[in-house]
N, C-alpha and C. Protein backbone atom coordinates (compact mmCIF):
# COMPACT_ATOMS: atom_id res chain seq x y z
N MET A 1 -3.45 22.29 14.34
CA MET A 1 -2.95 22.61 13.01
C MET A 1 -2.27 21.39 12.42
N SER A 2 -2.58 21.08 11.20
CA SER A 2 -2.01 19.92 10.51
C SER A 2 -0.63 20.23 9.97
N ASP A 3 0.27 19.27 10.08
CA ASP A 3 1.61 19.38 9.54
C ASP A 3 1.66 18.51 8.29
N ASN A 4 1.50 19.12 7.12
CA ASN A 4 1.40 18.36 5.88
C ASN A 4 2.69 17.68 5.44
N VAL A 5 3.81 18.02 6.06
CA VAL A 5 5.08 17.39 5.73
C VAL A 5 5.34 16.20 6.64
N ASN A 6 5.30 16.42 7.94
CA ASN A 6 5.67 15.39 8.91
C ASN A 6 4.52 14.51 9.37
N HIS A 7 3.32 15.06 9.40
CA HIS A 7 2.16 14.32 9.90
C HIS A 7 0.89 14.70 9.13
N PRO A 8 0.83 14.33 7.83
CA PRO A 8 -0.35 14.69 7.06
C PRO A 8 -1.62 14.07 7.65
N SER A 9 -2.67 14.83 7.71
CA SER A 9 -3.91 14.37 8.35
C SER A 9 -4.51 13.16 7.65
N HIS A 10 -4.31 13.02 6.33
CA HIS A 10 -4.88 11.89 5.61
C HIS A 10 -4.15 10.58 5.91
N TYR A 11 -3.03 10.65 6.62
CA TYR A 11 -2.30 9.44 7.00
C TYR A 11 -2.47 9.08 8.47
N ASP A 12 -3.14 9.92 9.24
CA ASP A 12 -3.38 9.55 10.64
C ASP A 12 -4.86 9.64 11.02
N SER A 13 -5.72 9.81 10.03
CA SER A 13 -7.15 9.95 10.32
C SER A 13 -7.90 8.62 10.24
N VAL A 14 -7.27 7.57 9.74
CA VAL A 14 -7.95 6.29 9.59
C VAL A 14 -8.03 5.56 10.92
N VAL A 15 -6.89 5.42 11.56
CA VAL A 15 -6.81 4.79 12.88
C VAL A 15 -6.19 5.82 13.82
N LYS A 16 -6.97 6.38 14.71
CA LYS A 16 -6.47 7.43 15.59
C LYS A 16 -5.26 6.94 16.39
N GLY A 17 -4.22 7.75 16.39
CA GLY A 17 -3.01 7.42 17.13
C GLY A 17 -2.03 6.55 16.37
N VAL A 18 -2.40 6.14 15.15
CA VAL A 18 -1.51 5.31 14.33
C VAL A 18 -1.29 6.03 13.01
N GLU A 19 -0.02 6.25 12.67
CA GLU A 19 0.29 6.86 11.38
C GLU A 19 0.58 5.77 10.37
N CYS A 20 0.15 6.01 9.16
CA CYS A 20 0.31 5.06 8.07
C CYS A 20 1.77 4.61 7.93
N ILE A 21 2.70 5.53 8.01
CA ILE A 21 4.11 5.19 7.80
C ILE A 21 4.61 4.18 8.84
N ASP A 22 4.08 4.24 10.05
CA ASP A 22 4.49 3.29 11.08
C ASP A 22 4.06 1.87 10.71
N VAL A 23 2.99 1.75 9.97
CA VAL A 23 2.52 0.44 9.51
C VAL A 23 3.27 0.02 8.24
N THR A 24 3.33 0.91 7.26
CA THR A 24 3.91 0.55 5.96
C THR A 24 5.39 0.20 6.05
N GLU A 25 6.10 0.79 6.99
CA GLU A 25 7.53 0.48 7.14
C GLU A 25 7.78 -0.96 7.59
N GLN A 26 6.75 -1.64 8.01
CA GLN A 26 6.88 -3.04 8.44
C GLN A 26 6.79 -4.01 7.26
N PHE A 27 6.55 -3.48 6.05
CA PHE A 27 6.35 -4.30 4.86
C PHE A 27 7.37 -3.95 3.80
N ASN A 28 7.45 -4.78 2.76
CA ASN A 28 8.33 -4.44 1.65
C ASN A 28 7.70 -3.28 0.86
N PHE A 29 8.42 -2.81 -0.16
CA PHE A 29 8.00 -1.62 -0.90
C PHE A 29 6.62 -1.77 -1.52
N ASN A 30 6.39 -2.86 -2.26
CA ASN A 30 5.10 -3.02 -2.94
C ASN A 30 3.94 -3.12 -1.96
N ARG A 31 4.09 -3.94 -0.95
CA ARG A 31 3.01 -4.11 0.03
C ARG A 31 2.78 -2.82 0.83
N GLY A 32 3.86 -2.16 1.20
CA GLY A 32 3.74 -0.91 1.94
C GLY A 32 3.01 0.16 1.14
N ASN A 33 3.33 0.26 -0.15
CA ASN A 33 2.65 1.23 -0.99
C ASN A 33 1.18 0.88 -1.20
N ALA A 34 0.88 -0.40 -1.34
CA ALA A 34 -0.53 -0.81 -1.47
C ALA A 34 -1.31 -0.39 -0.22
N ILE A 35 -0.73 -0.64 0.94
CA ILE A 35 -1.37 -0.24 2.20
C ILE A 35 -1.56 1.28 2.25
N LYS A 36 -0.52 2.00 1.85
CA LYS A 36 -0.59 3.47 1.86
C LYS A 36 -1.75 3.98 1.02
N TYR A 37 -1.89 3.44 -0.20
CA TYR A 37 -2.96 3.93 -1.07
C TYR A 37 -4.34 3.51 -0.58
N ILE A 38 -4.46 2.33 0.00
CA ILE A 38 -5.74 1.93 0.59
C ILE A 38 -6.06 2.83 1.79
N TRP A 39 -5.05 3.09 2.60
CA TRP A 39 -5.20 3.89 3.81
C TRP A 39 -5.73 5.28 3.49
N ARG A 40 -5.15 5.91 2.46
CA ARG A 40 -5.51 7.30 2.19
C ARG A 40 -6.69 7.45 1.23
N ALA A 41 -7.14 6.35 0.61
CA ALA A 41 -8.23 6.43 -0.37
C ALA A 41 -9.46 7.09 0.26
N GLY A 42 -9.88 8.17 -0.37
CA GLY A 42 -11.05 8.90 0.10
C GLY A 42 -10.77 9.88 1.22
N HIS A 43 -9.54 9.89 1.74
CA HIS A 43 -9.20 10.81 2.83
C HIS A 43 -8.36 11.99 2.34
N LYS A 44 -7.38 11.71 1.47
CA LYS A 44 -6.53 12.80 0.97
C LYS A 44 -7.30 13.67 -0.01
N ASP A 45 -7.93 13.03 -0.99
CA ASP A 45 -8.69 13.75 -2.01
C ASP A 45 -9.84 12.85 -2.43
N LYS A 46 -11.03 13.18 -1.98
CA LYS A 46 -12.21 12.34 -2.24
C LYS A 46 -12.41 12.08 -3.73
N SER A 47 -12.06 13.04 -4.57
CA SER A 47 -12.25 12.88 -6.01
C SER A 47 -11.27 11.87 -6.61
N LYS A 48 -10.22 11.50 -5.85
CA LYS A 48 -9.23 10.54 -6.35
C LYS A 48 -9.28 9.21 -5.61
N GLU A 49 -10.39 8.94 -4.94
CA GLU A 49 -10.52 7.70 -4.17
C GLU A 49 -10.33 6.46 -5.04
N ILE A 50 -10.99 6.42 -6.18
CA ILE A 50 -10.87 5.26 -7.07
C ILE A 50 -9.45 5.17 -7.62
N GLU A 51 -8.87 6.30 -7.96
CA GLU A 51 -7.48 6.30 -8.45
C GLU A 51 -6.54 5.72 -7.40
N ASP A 52 -6.71 6.10 -6.15
CA ASP A 52 -5.86 5.56 -5.08
C ASP A 52 -6.04 4.05 -4.95
N LEU A 53 -7.27 3.57 -5.07
CA LEU A 53 -7.51 2.13 -5.00
C LEU A 53 -6.91 1.41 -6.20
N ARG A 54 -6.93 2.04 -7.36
CA ARG A 54 -6.27 1.45 -8.53
C ARG A 54 -4.76 1.39 -8.34
N LYS A 55 -4.21 2.41 -7.74
CA LYS A 55 -2.76 2.40 -7.45
C LYS A 55 -2.43 1.27 -6.48
N ALA A 56 -3.27 1.08 -5.48
CA ALA A 56 -3.05 -0.02 -4.53
C ALA A 56 -3.08 -1.35 -5.27
N ALA A 57 -4.05 -1.53 -6.15
CA ALA A 57 -4.15 -2.77 -6.92
C ALA A 57 -2.92 -2.96 -7.79
N TRP A 58 -2.38 -1.89 -8.35
CA TRP A 58 -1.19 -1.96 -9.19
C TRP A 58 -0.01 -2.51 -8.38
N TYR A 59 0.16 -2.01 -7.16
CA TYR A 59 1.25 -2.50 -6.31
C TYR A 59 1.03 -3.93 -5.86
N ILE A 60 -0.22 -4.31 -5.60
CA ILE A 60 -0.51 -5.69 -5.24
C ILE A 60 -0.20 -6.62 -6.41
N ASN A 61 -0.62 -6.23 -7.60
CA ASN A 61 -0.32 -7.05 -8.78
C ASN A 61 1.18 -7.14 -9.03
N ARG A 62 1.89 -6.07 -8.81
CA ARG A 62 3.35 -6.07 -8.97
C ARG A 62 3.99 -7.04 -7.97
N GLU A 63 3.49 -7.07 -6.76
CA GLU A 63 4.01 -7.98 -5.73
C GLU A 63 3.70 -9.43 -6.10
N ILE A 64 2.51 -9.68 -6.63
CA ILE A 64 2.16 -11.03 -7.07
C ILE A 64 3.11 -11.48 -8.18
N GLU A 65 3.37 -10.60 -9.13
CA GLU A 65 4.30 -10.93 -10.21
C GLU A 65 5.71 -11.19 -9.67
N ARG A 66 6.15 -10.39 -8.74
CA ARG A 66 7.48 -10.57 -8.15
C ARG A 66 7.59 -11.93 -7.48
N LEU A 67 6.57 -12.26 -6.69
CA LEU A 67 6.58 -13.55 -6.00
C LEU A 67 6.50 -14.71 -6.98
N SER A 68 5.71 -14.56 -8.02
CA SER A 68 5.60 -15.61 -9.03
C SER A 68 6.94 -15.86 -9.71
N ARG A 69 7.63 -14.79 -10.09
CA ARG A 69 8.95 -14.93 -10.71
C ARG A 69 9.93 -15.59 -9.75
N GLU A 70 9.92 -15.12 -8.52
CA GLU A 70 10.84 -15.65 -7.51
C GLU A 70 10.62 -17.14 -7.29
N ARG A 71 9.40 -17.55 -7.24
CA ARG A 71 9.08 -18.96 -6.98
C ARG A 71 9.36 -19.83 -8.19
N LYS A 72 9.16 -19.31 -9.38
CA LYS A 72 9.49 -20.06 -10.59
C LYS A 72 11.00 -20.24 -10.71
N GLU A 73 11.76 -19.20 -10.35
CA GLU A 73 13.21 -19.28 -10.43
C GLU A 73 13.78 -20.31 -9.47
N SER A 74 13.09 -20.53 -8.35
CA SER A 74 13.59 -21.49 -7.38
C SER A 74 13.11 -22.91 -7.70
N ASN A 75 12.36 -23.06 -8.83
CA ASN A 75 11.85 -24.35 -9.26
C ASN A 75 10.95 -25.02 -8.22
N VAL A 76 10.24 -24.23 -7.46
CA VAL A 76 9.30 -24.75 -6.49
C VAL A 76 7.91 -24.54 -7.03
N ASP A 77 7.11 -25.59 -7.03
CA ASP A 77 5.73 -25.48 -7.49
C ASP A 77 4.86 -25.16 -6.27
N TRP A 78 4.43 -23.91 -6.18
CA TRP A 78 3.61 -23.48 -5.05
C TRP A 78 2.12 -23.58 -5.36
N GLY A 79 1.77 -24.08 -6.54
CA GLY A 79 0.37 -24.21 -6.90
C GLY A 79 -0.30 -22.89 -7.21
N ILE A 80 0.50 -21.91 -7.63
CA ILE A 80 -0.03 -20.59 -7.97
C ILE A 80 -0.10 -20.48 -9.48
N SER A 81 -1.24 -20.07 -9.97
CA SER A 81 -1.35 -19.91 -11.42
C SER A 81 -1.41 -18.46 -11.80
């Protein structure tokens, strides 16, 4: 029986024995959320697979913007455009 609160099946069906939260907690908020949406895409609700991938891309873009701002503020040229 699936426990939709503590152990949702769409978060442990990708890699058997590994729950998504155990992986995402190792990253910052934006990266962790991107991983979460990639992980569950097509598993939680097949009709929302593309939406989940778009959400992942949104968090990735947000992280890129955060890093870009941070690096510009430190006056370091990292060669990122």
